[in-house]
Amino acid sequence: MPITIHDQPLPYVDLLPERPASAVELVVIHCTELPDLATAREYGERVLYESGAGASGHYYIDRDGSIYRYVPGTRVANHVRGHNANSIGIELVNLGRYPDWWNSKRQTMTEPYTAAQIAALRALLAQLRQEFPQLQLIAGHEDLDTARLPATDDPSLDVPRKLDPGPLFPWAQVLEGSGLDRTATSRP
């Protein structure tokens, strides 16, 4: 059964490089680390690069399971360092460490993902496997961007730049029957 995807292209989507569907081999799971979808959209619309583009995932899944497409999968979105050209980014609305992302005392993610989000994610992954024949791998943002930076509250301490989707993400449930393999660089 087809899923409902709300198309809401970012203003700069036509500036993003095009790619064939066969280039997509990997899906990267993120969480927004923001309070809501509206704030995530605002962040995605910000122009950050000389090209006129910003940082954004391809798909966003709200807490109620609604799915939004900000960037088509045949365009390269800026969502993970070093892996944009061959991947699709899926963002789940979740507080993460918001608003103190790099405070050493706020590194615990406490908001669970909703059942509706996980069901929508599983359905989206199944559809993407049909649309992108080379899609075989899945990773968390934290698996691919392992950089650390000085904590905002104590620069003598280092904290992870990215922790998403984090320890509350139900990997076993998402992987079951997905046909996707978690990348070798993924954390156990």
Protein backbone atom coordinates (compact mmCIF):
# COMPACT_ATOMS: atom_id res chain seq x y z
CA MET A 1 0.00 0.00 0.00
CA PRO A 2 1.48 3.37 -0.99
CA ILE A 3 2.31 5.76 1.80
CA THR A 4 1.32 9.41 1.92
CA ILE A 5 4.25 11.76 1.47
CA HIS A 6 3.70 15.50 1.73
CA ASP A 7 5.95 17.22 -0.80
CA GLN A 8 7.32 20.50 0.56
CA PRO A 9 10.46 21.24 -1.49
CA LEU A 10 12.98 23.58 0.09
CA PRO A 11 13.36 26.92 -1.70
CA TYR A 12 16.84 26.01 -2.96
CA VAL A 13 16.09 22.42 -4.04
CA ASP A 14 16.83 23.17 -7.71
CA LEU A 15 20.36 24.26 -6.72
CA LEU A 16 21.19 20.83 -5.29
CA PRO A 17 23.14 18.49 -7.59
CA GLU A 18 21.13 15.86 -9.45
CA ARG A 19 22.04 12.17 -9.35
CA PRO A 20 20.62 8.96 -10.82
CA ALA A 21 18.58 6.68 -8.56
CA SER A 22 21.34 4.08 -8.98
CA ALA A 23 23.75 6.33 -7.02
CA VAL A 24 21.82 5.85 -3.77
CA GLU A 25 23.28 3.00 -1.68
CA LEU A 26 22.76 4.22 1.88
CA VAL A 27 20.06 5.71 4.07
CA VAL A 28 21.14 7.75 7.09
CA ILE A 29 18.84 8.07 10.09
CA HIS A 30 18.89 11.38 11.94
CA CYS A 31 16.87 13.08 14.62
CA THR A 32 16.22 16.79 14.31
CA GLU A 33 17.36 17.64 17.87
CA LEU A 34 14.77 20.42 17.68
CA PRO A 35 11.38 20.91 19.37
CA ASP A 36 9.10 20.50 16.34
CA LEU A 37 8.79 20.13 12.59
CA ALA A 38 8.30 23.88 12.04
CA THR A 39 11.65 24.65 13.66
CA ALA A 40 13.31 21.89 11.63
CA ARG A 41 11.88 23.46 8.47
CA GLU A 42 13.29 26.86 9.47
CA TYR A 43 16.72 25.31 9.92
CA GLY A 44 16.47 23.53 6.57
CA GLU A 45 15.60 26.76 4.76
CA ARG A 46 18.69 28.59 6.01
CA VAL A 47 21.25 29.20 3.29
CA LEU A 48 24.62 28.04 4.61
CA TYR A 49 26.73 27.47 1.51
CA GLU A 50 28.01 29.60 -1.38
CA SER A 51 25.88 27.47 -3.72
CA GLY A 52 22.77 29.00 -2.14
CA ALA A 53 21.83 25.73 -0.41
CA GLY A 54 21.56 24.74 3.23
CA ALA A 55 21.65 21.62 5.40
CA SER A 56 18.62 19.32 5.30
CA GLY A 57 17.50 15.73 5.16
CA HIS A 58 15.44 14.42 2.27
CA TYR A 59 12.53 13.18 4.41
CA TYR A 60 11.15 14.29 7.79
CA ILE A 61 8.89 12.15 9.95
CA ASP A 62 6.86 14.01 12.55
CA ARG A 63 5.87 12.52 15.89
CA ASP A 64 2.41 11.58 14.53
CA GLY A 65 3.99 9.58 11.69
CA SER A 66 3.38 12.16 8.96
CA ILE A 67 6.09 12.05 6.29
CA TYR A 68 7.38 15.17 4.51
CA ARG A 69 9.77 15.30 1.54
CA TYR A 70 11.92 18.43 1.46
CA VAL A 71 14.41 17.15 -1.13
CA PRO A 72 13.80 14.49 -3.83
CA GLY A 73 16.01 11.43 -3.55
CA THR A 74 17.46 12.19 -6.98
CA ARG A 75 19.09 15.33 -5.56
CA VAL A 76 22.07 15.44 -3.20
CA ALA A 77 21.05 16.93 0.15
CA ASN A 78 23.53 18.17 2.74
CA HIS A 79 22.81 15.97 5.76
CA VAL A 80 25.97 14.03 6.70
CA ARG A 81 29.64 14.85 6.19
CA GLY A 82 31.32 12.74 3.53
CA HIS A 83 28.32 10.62 2.56
CA ASN A 84 25.85 12.97 0.85
CA ALA A 85 26.53 11.86 -2.73
CA ASN A 86 25.32 8.27 -2.20
CA SER A 87 22.76 8.60 0.59
CA ILE A 88 19.27 9.66 1.55
CA GLY A 89 18.79 11.41 4.88
CA ILE A 90 15.70 10.73 6.99
CA GLU A 91 15.08 13.03 9.97
CA LEU A 92 12.82 12.02 12.84
CA VAL A 93 11.39 14.92 14.85
CA ASN A 94 12.88 14.48 18.32
CA LEU A 95 14.36 16.81 20.94
CA GLY A 96 17.65 14.94 21.18
CA ARG A 97 19.94 17.22 23.23
CA TYR A 98 18.07 20.42 22.36
CA PRO A 99 18.83 23.23 23.16
CA ASP A 100 22.21 22.44 24.74
CA TRP A 101 23.66 20.16 22.07
CA TRP A 102 27.26 20.45 23.19
CA ASN A 103 26.89 20.99 26.95
CA SER A 104 28.75 18.15 28.69
CA LYS A 105 25.96 17.81 31.25
CA ARG A 106 23.22 17.46 28.55
CA GLN A 107 24.45 14.52 26.50
CA THR A 108 21.62 12.15 27.44
CA MET A 109 18.79 11.90 24.93
CA THR A 110 15.54 11.21 26.79
CA GLU A 111 12.67 11.51 24.28
CA PRO A 112 11.59 8.12 22.91
CA TYR A 113 10.59 7.81 19.27
CA THR A 114 6.85 7.31 18.83
CA ALA A 115 5.32 4.09 17.52
CA ALA A 116 3.81 6.15 14.68
CA GLN A 117 7.26 7.45 13.68
CA ILE A 118 8.78 3.99 13.62
CA ALA A 119 5.88 2.54 11.62
CA ALA A 120 6.16 5.42 9.12
CA LEU A 121 9.93 4.98 8.91
CA ARG A 122 9.58 1.25 8.18
CA ALA A 123 7.02 1.97 5.45
CA LEU A 124 9.21 4.70 3.95
CA LEU A 125 12.26 2.43 3.94
CA ALA A 126 10.26 -0.25 2.11
CA GLN A 127 9.19 2.28 -0.52
CA LEU A 128 12.72 3.65 -0.91
CA ARG A 129 14.05 0.13 -1.49
CA GLN A 130 11.67 -0.06 -4.48
CA GLU A 131 12.61 3.37 -5.85
CA PHE A 132 16.39 3.05 -5.38
CA PRO A 133 17.58 -0.39 -6.57
CA GLN A 134 21.10 -0.08 -5.08
CA LEU A 135 19.87 0.91 -1.59
CA GLN A 136 21.27 -1.78 0.70
CA LEU A 137 22.82 0.00 3.70
CA ILE A 138 21.57 1.96 6.69
CA ALA A 139 23.45 3.97 9.32
CA GLY A 140 22.81 6.42 12.09
CA HIS A 141 24.23 9.92 11.78
CA GLU A 142 26.33 9.16 14.86
CA ASP A 143 27.87 6.17 13.05
CA LEU A 144 29.23 8.30 10.20
CA ASP A 145 30.06 11.62 11.87
CA THR A 146 32.19 10.69 14.87
CA ALA A 147 33.84 14.10 15.28
CA ARG A 148 34.14 15.52 18.78
CA LEU A 149 34.32 19.16 19.84
CA PRO A 150 34.92 21.17 23.01
CA ALA A 151 31.93 21.27 25.35
CA THR A 152 30.23 24.65 25.60
CA ASP A 153 30.19 24.52 29.41
CA ASP A 154 33.78 23.25 29.81
CA PRO A 155 36.12 23.52 26.80
CA SER A 156 38.54 21.07 28.45
CA LEU A 157 35.96 18.33 27.80
CA ASP A 158 35.08 16.90 24.39
CA VAL A 159 31.54 15.89 23.42
CA PRO A 160 30.24 14.13 20.29
CA ARG A 161 29.27 16.52 17.49
CA LYS A 162 26.44 14.14 16.54
CA LEU A 163 24.59 11.60 18.69
CA ASP A 164 21.55 10.97 16.54
CA PRO A 165 19.44 8.98 16.30
CA GLY A 166 20.79 8.02 19.72
CA PRO A 167 20.39 5.22 22.25
CA LEU A 168 16.57 5.25 22.26
CA PHE A 169 16.33 4.48 18.55
CA PRO A 170 14.93 0.92 18.08
CA TRP A 171 17.46 -0.45 15.59
CA ALA A 172 16.32 -4.07 15.85
CA GLN A 173 12.70 -3.14 15.11
CA VAL A 174 13.65 -0.92 12.16
CA LEU A 175 16.07 -3.42 10.64
CA GLU A 176 13.75 -6.43 10.94
CA GLY A 177 12.55 -7.36 7.46
CA SER A 178 13.93 -4.13 5.93
CA GLY A 179 16.43 -5.80 3.60
CA LEU A 180 18.99 -3.24 4.76
CA ASP A 181 22.29 -3.92 6.49
CA ARG A 182 23.69 -1.58 9.10
CA THR A 183 27.03 -0.30 7.83
CA ALA A 184 30.28 -1.81 9.05
CA THR A 185 31.26 1.57 10.48
CA SER A 186 28.19 1.53 12.70
CA ARG A 187 28.60 1.35 16.43
CA PRO A 188 27.47 -1.89 18.12
